[in-house]
């Protein structure tokens, strides 16, 4: 095997889906939290999510000069939605049941405990290879 062929796609390890109990407020028939199925995202998917969560804002005092700013809350919500396989957050019946119209709003209604939501977001980020959460990176930059 040539040294270059070691980098061929056929040699890549495929990351499997995993499961996580995102909230303690939904239980199965024996009283255990329901498990959510989570899939790994690709770099391209993450880039698309980040781009859709980025806006240009004008730099104060500098007309016509803008900088990019990531809407962290929107990015995290979209990252979660893209990673969740089950439950189907795009399911109209489930959205109607919670009286919401988007998968991002649905996940926030299902996981309405802020601590659970942050823990789930952290799990999703860690599972997708972010060893430090986006919020931790932002906090570190601010300091």
N, C-alpha and C. Protein backbone atom coordinates (compact mmCIF):
# COMPACT_ATOMS: atom_id res chain seq x y z
N UNK A 1 0.86 -1.18 0.00
CA UNK A 1 0.00 0.00 0.00
C UNK A 1 0.90 1.24 0.00
N UNK A 2 0.68 2.10 -0.99
CA UNK A 2 1.48 3.32 -1.03
C UNK A 2 1.09 4.22 0.14
N UNK A 3 1.98 5.12 0.49
CA UNK A 3 1.72 5.99 1.63
C UNK A 3 0.50 6.88 1.37
N UNK A 4 0.28 7.27 0.12
CA UNK A 4 -0.87 8.13 -0.19
C UNK A 4 -2.18 7.36 -0.06
N UNK A 5 -2.18 6.10 -0.38
CA UNK A 5 -3.42 5.32 -0.35
C UNK A 5 -3.96 5.14 1.08
N UNK A 6 -3.11 5.37 2.07
CA UNK A 6 -3.59 5.30 3.45
C UNK A 6 -4.63 6.38 3.73
N UNK A 7 -4.63 7.45 2.93
CA UNK A 7 -5.56 8.55 3.11
C UNK A 7 -6.84 8.38 2.30
N UNK A 8 -6.98 7.28 1.59
CA UNK A 8 -8.17 7.06 0.78
C UNK A 8 -9.40 6.92 1.66
N UNK A 9 -10.51 7.31 1.09
CA UNK A 9 -11.79 7.33 1.81
C UNK A 9 -12.15 5.97 2.41
N UNK A 10 -11.82 4.90 1.71
CA UNK A 10 -12.16 3.56 2.19
C UNK A 10 -11.48 3.23 3.53
N UNK A 11 -10.43 3.97 3.89
CA UNK A 11 -9.70 3.71 5.13
C UNK A 11 -10.19 4.54 6.31
N UNK A 12 -11.16 5.42 6.06
CA UNK A 12 -11.67 6.27 7.13
C UNK A 12 -12.54 5.47 8.10
N UNK A 13 -12.40 5.75 9.37
CA UNK A 13 -13.25 5.16 10.39
C UNK A 13 -14.56 5.94 10.39
N UNK A 14 -15.66 5.23 10.33
CA UNK A 14 -16.97 5.86 10.31
C UNK A 14 -17.47 6.01 11.75
N UNK A 15 -17.80 7.21 12.11
CA UNK A 15 -18.32 7.48 13.46
C UNK A 15 -19.79 7.08 13.50
N UNK A 16 -20.15 6.27 14.46
CA UNK A 16 -21.51 5.77 14.59
C UNK A 16 -22.39 6.76 15.35
N UNK A 17 -23.69 6.64 15.14
CA UNK A 17 -24.65 7.43 15.93
C UNK A 17 -24.54 7.03 17.39
N UNK A 18 -25.00 7.91 18.26
CA UNK A 18 -24.99 7.63 19.69
C UNK A 18 -26.35 8.02 20.27
N UNK A 19 -26.52 7.80 21.56
CA UNK A 19 -27.79 8.09 22.22
C UNK A 19 -27.53 8.92 23.48
N UNK A 20 -28.50 9.78 23.80
CA UNK A 20 -28.36 10.67 24.95
C UNK A 20 -29.75 10.98 25.50
N UNK A 21 -29.89 10.95 26.81
CA UNK A 21 -31.15 11.34 27.46
C UNK A 21 -31.12 12.86 27.61
N UNK A 22 -31.79 13.57 26.69
CA UNK A 22 -31.70 15.03 26.64
C UNK A 22 -32.49 15.72 27.74
N UNK A 23 -33.52 15.06 28.26
CA UNK A 23 -34.33 15.66 29.32
C UNK A 23 -34.87 14.59 30.25
N UNK A 24 -35.02 14.95 31.49
CA UNK A 24 -35.58 14.03 32.49
C UNK A 24 -37.10 14.16 32.56
N UNK A 25 -37.67 15.05 31.76
CA UNK A 25 -39.11 15.29 31.84
C UNK A 25 -39.93 14.39 30.92
N UNK A 26 -39.29 13.62 30.05
CA UNK A 26 -39.98 12.64 29.21
C UNK A 26 -39.43 11.27 29.52
N UNK A 27 -40.31 10.39 30.02
CA UNK A 27 -39.89 9.08 30.51
C UNK A 27 -40.54 7.95 29.72
N UNK A 28 -39.85 6.80 29.68
CA UNK A 28 -40.44 5.62 29.06
C UNK A 28 -41.37 4.92 30.05
N UNK A 29 -41.88 3.77 29.67
CA UNK A 29 -42.86 3.05 30.49
C UNK A 29 -42.31 2.56 31.83
N UNK A 30 -40.99 2.49 31.98
CA UNK A 30 -40.44 2.05 33.26
C UNK A 30 -39.80 3.21 34.05
N UNK A 31 -40.06 4.43 33.57
CA UNK A 31 -39.61 5.61 34.31
C UNK A 31 -38.21 6.10 34.00
N UNK A 32 -37.60 5.59 32.94
CA UNK A 32 -36.26 6.05 32.55
C UNK A 32 -36.40 7.15 31.48
N UNK A 33 -35.52 8.14 31.50
CA UNK A 33 -35.59 9.20 30.48
C UNK A 33 -35.46 8.62 29.06
N UNK A 34 -36.26 9.17 28.14
CA UNK A 34 -36.21 8.74 26.75
C UNK A 34 -34.85 9.09 26.14
N UNK A 35 -34.33 8.16 25.37
CA UNK A 35 -33.04 8.37 24.72
C UNK A 35 -33.26 9.00 23.34
N UNK A 36 -32.46 9.99 23.04
CA UNK A 36 -32.48 10.65 21.74
C UNK A 36 -31.34 10.09 20.91
N UNK A 37 -31.58 9.85 19.62
CA UNK A 37 -30.51 9.37 18.74
C UNK A 37 -29.82 10.58 18.11
N UNK A 38 -28.50 10.58 18.19
CA UNK A 38 -27.68 11.69 17.72
C UNK A 38 -26.71 11.18 16.66
N UNK A 39 -26.60 11.93 15.58
CA UNK A 39 -25.65 11.56 14.51
C UNK A 39 -24.51 12.57 14.45
N UNK A 40 -23.36 12.13 13.99
CA UNK A 40 -22.25 13.08 13.82
C UNK A 40 -22.48 13.93 12.57
N UNK A 41 -22.05 15.17 12.63
CA UNK A 41 -22.15 16.07 11.49
C UNK A 41 -20.84 16.09 10.73
N UNK A 42 -20.92 16.48 9.48
CA UNK A 42 -19.70 16.65 8.68
C UNK A 42 -19.21 18.09 8.82
N UNK A 43 -17.99 18.31 8.42
CA UNK A 43 -17.43 19.66 8.44
C UNK A 43 -18.25 20.57 7.52
N UNK A 44 -18.68 20.07 6.36
CA UNK A 44 -19.49 20.86 5.44
C UNK A 44 -20.82 21.26 6.08
N UNK A 45 -21.45 20.32 6.78
CA UNK A 45 -22.73 20.63 7.44
C UNK A 45 -22.54 21.71 8.51
N UNK A 46 -21.48 21.57 9.30
CA UNK A 46 -21.21 22.56 10.34
C UNK A 46 -20.94 23.93 9.73
N UNK A 47 -20.20 23.96 8.65
CA UNK A 47 -19.90 25.23 7.98
C UNK A 47 -21.17 25.90 7.48
N UNK A 48 -22.08 25.11 6.92
CA UNK A 48 -23.35 25.65 6.42
C UNK A 48 -24.18 26.22 7.59
N UNK A 49 -24.20 25.51 8.71
CA UNK A 49 -24.92 25.97 9.90
C UNK A 49 -24.30 27.26 10.43
N UNK A 50 -22.99 27.29 10.52
CA UNK A 50 -22.29 28.49 11.01
C UNK A 50 -22.55 29.68 10.09
N UNK A 51 -22.48 29.46 8.78
CA UNK A 51 -22.74 30.54 7.82
C UNK A 51 -24.16 31.07 7.96
N UNK A 52 -25.12 30.17 8.15
CA UNK A 52 -26.52 30.61 8.26
C UNK A 52 -26.79 31.32 9.59
N UNK A 53 -25.87 31.21 10.52
CA UNK A 53 -26.02 31.85 11.83
C UNK A 53 -25.13 33.08 11.97
N UNK A 54 -24.50 33.48 10.88
CA UNK A 54 -23.58 34.62 10.90
C UNK A 54 -24.20 35.81 10.19
N UNK A 55 -24.02 36.97 10.79
CA UNK A 55 -24.53 38.20 10.18
C UNK A 55 -23.43 39.25 10.17
N UNK A 56 -23.58 40.20 9.29
CA UNK A 56 -22.65 41.32 9.25
C UNK A 56 -23.23 42.44 10.09
N UNK A 57 -22.40 43.00 10.97
CA UNK A 57 -22.84 44.15 11.76
C UNK A 57 -21.87 45.29 11.51
N UNK A 58 -22.42 46.47 11.47
CA UNK A 58 -21.59 47.65 11.20
C UNK A 58 -20.73 47.97 12.42
N UNK A 59 -19.49 48.33 12.17
CA UNK A 59 -18.59 48.74 13.24
C UNK A 59 -18.93 50.18 13.59
N UNK A 60 -19.26 50.44 14.86
CA UNK A 60 -19.64 51.80 15.26
C UNK A 60 -18.56 52.82 14.91
N UNK A 61 -19.00 53.93 14.34
CA UNK A 61 -18.09 55.02 14.01
C UNK A 61 -17.32 54.82 12.71
N UNK A 62 -17.59 53.72 12.02
CA UNK A 62 -16.90 53.44 10.76
C UNK A 62 -17.94 53.12 9.68
N UNK A 63 -18.49 54.15 9.07
CA UNK A 63 -19.51 53.94 8.04
C UNK A 63 -19.01 53.03 6.91
N UNK A 64 -19.83 52.07 6.55
CA UNK A 64 -19.49 51.17 5.46
C UNK A 64 -18.54 50.06 5.83
N UNK A 65 -18.13 49.97 7.11
CA UNK A 65 -17.22 48.91 7.55
C UNK A 65 -18.00 47.95 8.45
N UNK A 66 -17.96 46.68 8.08
CA UNK A 66 -18.72 45.67 8.79
C UNK A 66 -17.81 44.55 9.26
N UNK A 67 -18.31 43.80 10.24
CA UNK A 67 -17.60 42.59 10.70
C UNK A 67 -18.63 41.48 10.86
N UNK A 68 -18.17 40.26 10.80
CA UNK A 68 -19.06 39.13 10.97
C UNK A 68 -19.29 38.85 12.45
N UNK A 69 -20.50 38.46 12.79
CA UNK A 69 -20.82 38.07 14.15
C UNK A 69 -21.71 36.83 14.10
N UNK A 70 -21.30 35.79 14.83
CA UNK A 70 -22.09 34.56 14.90
C UNK A 70 -23.15 34.73 15.98
N UNK A 71 -24.40 34.46 15.62
CA UNK A 71 -25.48 34.42 16.60
C UNK A 71 -25.37 33.06 17.29
N UNK A 72 -24.73 33.05 18.44
CA UNK A 72 -24.41 31.80 19.14
C UNK A 72 -25.65 30.98 19.46
N UNK A 73 -26.70 31.61 19.93
CA UNK A 73 -27.93 30.87 20.26
C UNK A 73 -28.52 30.18 19.04
N UNK A 74 -28.57 30.89 17.92
CA UNK A 74 -29.09 30.30 16.69
C UNK A 74 -28.20 29.17 16.20
N UNK A 75 -26.89 29.38 16.29
CA UNK A 75 -25.94 28.35 15.86
C UNK A 75 -26.11 27.07 16.67
N UNK A 76 -26.18 27.20 17.98
CA UNK A 76 -26.32 26.03 18.86
C UNK A 76 -27.63 25.30 18.55
N UNK A 77 -28.73 26.05 18.42
CA UNK A 77 -30.03 25.43 18.14
C UNK A 77 -29.99 24.67 16.81
N UNK A 78 -29.39 25.27 15.80
CA UNK A 78 -29.31 24.61 14.49
C UNK A 78 -28.38 23.40 14.54
N UNK A 79 -27.31 23.49 15.31
CA UNK A 79 -26.39 22.36 15.47
C UNK A 79 -27.11 21.18 16.12
N UNK A 80 -27.90 21.47 17.15
CA UNK A 80 -28.67 20.42 17.82
C UNK A 80 -29.64 19.78 16.84
N UNK A 81 -30.42 20.61 16.16
CA UNK A 81 -31.43 20.11 15.23
C UNK A 81 -30.80 19.24 14.14
N UNK A 82 -29.69 19.66 13.59
CA UNK A 82 -29.03 18.90 12.53
C UNK A 82 -28.49 17.58 13.04
N UNK A 83 -28.17 17.49 14.32
CA UNK A 83 -27.59 16.28 14.90
C UNK A 83 -28.63 15.26 15.36
N UNK A 84 -29.82 15.73 15.69
CA UNK A 84 -30.85 14.83 16.24
C UNK A 84 -31.52 14.02 15.13
N UNK A 85 -31.48 12.70 15.27
CA UNK A 85 -32.14 11.78 14.35
C UNK A 85 -33.53 11.44 14.89
N UNK A 86 -33.60 11.14 16.18
CA UNK A 86 -34.85 10.75 16.82
C UNK A 86 -34.90 11.37 18.21
N UNK A 87 -35.93 12.16 18.49
CA UNK A 87 -37.18 12.34 17.77
C UNK A 87 -36.99 13.18 16.51
N UNK A 88 -37.92 13.03 15.57
CA UNK A 88 -37.91 13.81 14.34
C UNK A 88 -38.41 15.21 14.64
N UNK A 89 -37.49 16.15 14.75
CA UNK A 89 -37.85 17.52 15.12
C UNK A 89 -38.54 18.27 14.00
N UNK A 90 -38.58 17.68 12.80
CA UNK A 90 -39.29 18.28 11.67
C UNK A 90 -40.72 17.77 11.56
N UNK A 91 -41.10 16.84 12.42
CA UNK A 91 -42.44 16.23 12.37
C UNK A 91 -43.51 17.27 12.70
N UNK A 92 -44.42 17.49 11.76
CA UNK A 92 -45.47 18.51 11.91
C UNK A 92 -46.38 18.22 13.10
N UNK A 93 -46.71 16.95 13.31
CA UNK A 93 -47.59 16.59 14.43
C UNK A 93 -46.93 16.91 15.77
N UNK A 94 -45.65 16.63 15.88
CA UNK A 94 -44.91 16.93 17.11
C UNK A 94 -44.80 18.44 17.31
N UNK A 95 -44.51 19.18 16.23
CA UNK A 95 -44.44 20.64 16.32
C UNK A 95 -45.80 21.21 16.72
N UNK A 96 -46.87 20.71 16.11
CA UNK A 96 -48.21 21.18 16.45
C UNK A 96 -48.55 20.90 17.91
N UNK A 97 -48.11 19.75 18.40
CA UNK A 97 -48.38 19.38 19.79
C UNK A 97 -47.77 20.37 20.76
N UNK A 98 -46.62 20.91 20.40
CA UNK A 98 -45.93 21.90 21.25
C UNK A 98 -46.23 23.34 20.81
N UNK A 99 -47.08 23.47 19.80
CA UNK A 99 -47.50 24.77 19.28
C UNK A 99 -46.33 25.63 18.80
N UNK A 100 -45.44 25.00 18.03
CA UNK A 100 -44.30 25.71 17.43
C UNK A 100 -44.27 25.40 15.93
N UNK A 101 -43.49 26.17 15.20
CA UNK A 101 -43.43 26.02 13.74
C UNK A 101 -42.06 25.65 13.20
N UNK A 102 -41.02 25.63 14.06
CA UNK A 102 -39.68 25.30 13.59
C UNK A 102 -39.06 24.22 14.47
N UNK A 103 -38.15 23.44 13.92
CA UNK A 103 -37.48 22.43 14.73
C UNK A 103 -36.64 23.04 15.86
N UNK A 104 -36.09 24.24 15.61
CA UNK A 104 -35.29 24.91 16.65
C UNK A 104 -36.17 25.29 17.84
N UNK A 105 -37.37 25.80 17.56
CA UNK A 105 -38.30 26.13 18.65
C UNK A 105 -38.78 24.87 19.35
N UNK A 106 -38.98 23.80 18.57
CA UNK A 106 -39.46 22.54 19.15
C UNK A 106 -38.47 21.99 20.17
N UNK A 107 -37.20 21.95 19.82
CA UNK A 107 -36.22 21.38 20.75
C UNK A 107 -36.17 22.19 22.04
N UNK A 108 -36.39 23.51 21.94
CA UNK A 108 -36.39 24.35 23.14
C UNK A 108 -37.66 24.16 23.96
N UNK A 109 -38.74 23.75 23.34
CA UNK A 109 -39.98 23.45 24.08
C UNK A 109 -39.89 22.08 24.75
N UNK A 110 -39.33 21.11 24.04
CA UNK A 110 -39.20 19.76 24.61
C UNK A 110 -38.22 19.80 25.78
N UNK A 111 -37.09 20.47 25.57
CA UNK A 111 -36.08 20.60 26.62
C UNK A 111 -36.20 22.01 27.17
N UNK A 112 -37.20 22.22 28.03
CA UNK A 112 -37.47 23.57 28.52
C UNK A 112 -36.74 23.91 29.81
N UNK A 113 -35.93 23.00 30.31
CA UNK A 113 -35.08 23.27 31.47
C UNK A 113 -33.75 23.82 30.94
N UNK A 114 -33.39 25.06 31.27
CA UNK A 114 -32.17 25.65 30.72
C UNK A 114 -30.91 24.83 30.99
N UNK A 115 -30.80 24.25 32.16
CA UNK A 115 -29.63 23.45 32.48
C UNK A 115 -29.53 22.21 31.60
N UNK A 116 -30.67 21.55 31.37
CA UNK A 116 -30.68 20.38 30.49
C UNK A 116 -30.34 20.77 29.06
N UNK A 117 -30.87 21.91 28.62
CA UNK A 117 -30.61 22.37 27.25
C UNK A 117 -29.11 22.65 27.06
N UNK A 118 -28.50 23.32 28.02
CA UNK A 118 -27.06 23.62 27.95
C UNK A 118 -26.25 22.32 27.99
N UNK A 119 -26.65 21.38 28.85
CA UNK A 119 -25.94 20.10 28.93
C UNK A 119 -26.05 19.34 27.61
N UNK A 120 -27.24 19.36 27.00
CA UNK A 120 -27.44 18.68 25.72
C UNK A 120 -26.61 19.35 24.63
N UNK A 121 -26.61 20.67 24.61
CA UNK A 121 -25.81 21.41 23.63
C UNK A 121 -24.33 21.06 23.79
N UNK A 122 -23.87 20.98 25.02
CA UNK A 122 -22.48 20.61 25.29
C UNK A 122 -22.17 19.21 24.81
N UNK A 123 -23.12 18.28 25.04
CA UNK A 123 -22.93 16.90 24.57
C UNK A 123 -22.83 16.85 23.06
N UNK A 124 -23.73 17.57 22.37
CA UNK A 124 -23.73 17.60 20.90
C UNK A 124 -22.40 18.16 20.38
N UNK A 125 -21.95 19.25 20.98
CA UNK A 125 -20.68 19.85 20.55
C UNK A 125 -19.52 18.89 20.77
N UNK A 126 -19.48 18.28 21.94
CA UNK A 126 -18.40 17.33 22.25
C UNK A 126 -18.43 16.14 21.29
N UNK A 127 -19.63 15.61 21.04
CA UNK A 127 -19.77 14.47 20.14
C UNK A 127 -19.29 14.82 18.73
N UNK A 128 -19.46 16.06 18.34
CA UNK A 128 -19.04 16.51 17.01
C UNK A 128 -17.61 17.03 16.98
N UNK A 129 -16.85 16.77 18.02
CA UNK A 129 -15.43 17.06 18.01
C UNK A 129 -15.02 18.40 18.59
N UNK A 130 -15.97 19.16 19.10
CA UNK A 130 -15.62 20.42 19.74
C UNK A 130 -15.32 20.13 21.20
N UNK A 131 -14.05 20.11 21.56
CA UNK A 131 -13.68 19.79 22.93
C UNK A 131 -14.02 20.91 23.90
N UNK A 132 -14.10 22.12 23.37
CA UNK A 132 -14.50 23.27 24.16
C UNK A 132 -15.75 23.82 23.51
N UNK A 133 -16.78 24.12 24.30
CA UNK A 133 -18.01 24.62 23.72
C UNK A 133 -17.79 26.00 23.11
N UNK A 134 -18.63 26.36 22.17
CA UNK A 134 -18.54 27.66 21.52
C UNK A 134 -18.66 28.78 22.55
N UNK A 135 -19.54 28.61 23.53
CA UNK A 135 -19.71 29.63 24.56
C UNK A 135 -18.43 29.79 25.38
N UNK A 136 -17.75 28.68 25.70
CA UNK A 136 -16.49 28.76 26.43
C UNK A 136 -15.42 29.50 25.62
N UNK A 137 -15.40 29.25 24.29
CA UNK A 137 -14.46 29.97 23.43
C UNK A 137 -14.76 31.46 23.44
N UNK A 138 -16.03 31.81 23.35
CA UNK A 138 -16.42 33.23 23.38
C UNK A 138 -16.03 33.86 24.69
N UNK A 139 -16.32 33.17 25.80
CA UNK A 139 -15.97 33.71 27.12
C UNK A 139 -14.47 33.89 27.25
N UNK A 140 -13.69 32.96 26.71
CA UNK A 140 -12.24 33.05 26.79
C UNK A 140 -11.71 34.25 25.98
N UNK A 141 -12.32 34.47 24.81
CA UNK A 141 -11.91 35.61 23.97
C UNK A 141 -12.22 36.93 24.68
N UNK A 142 -13.36 36.99 25.36
CA UNK A 142 -13.77 38.21 26.06
C UNK A 142 -12.82 38.56 27.19
N UNK A 143 -12.25 37.55 27.85
CA UNK A 143 -11.38 37.79 29.00
C UNK A 143 -9.98 38.15 28.63
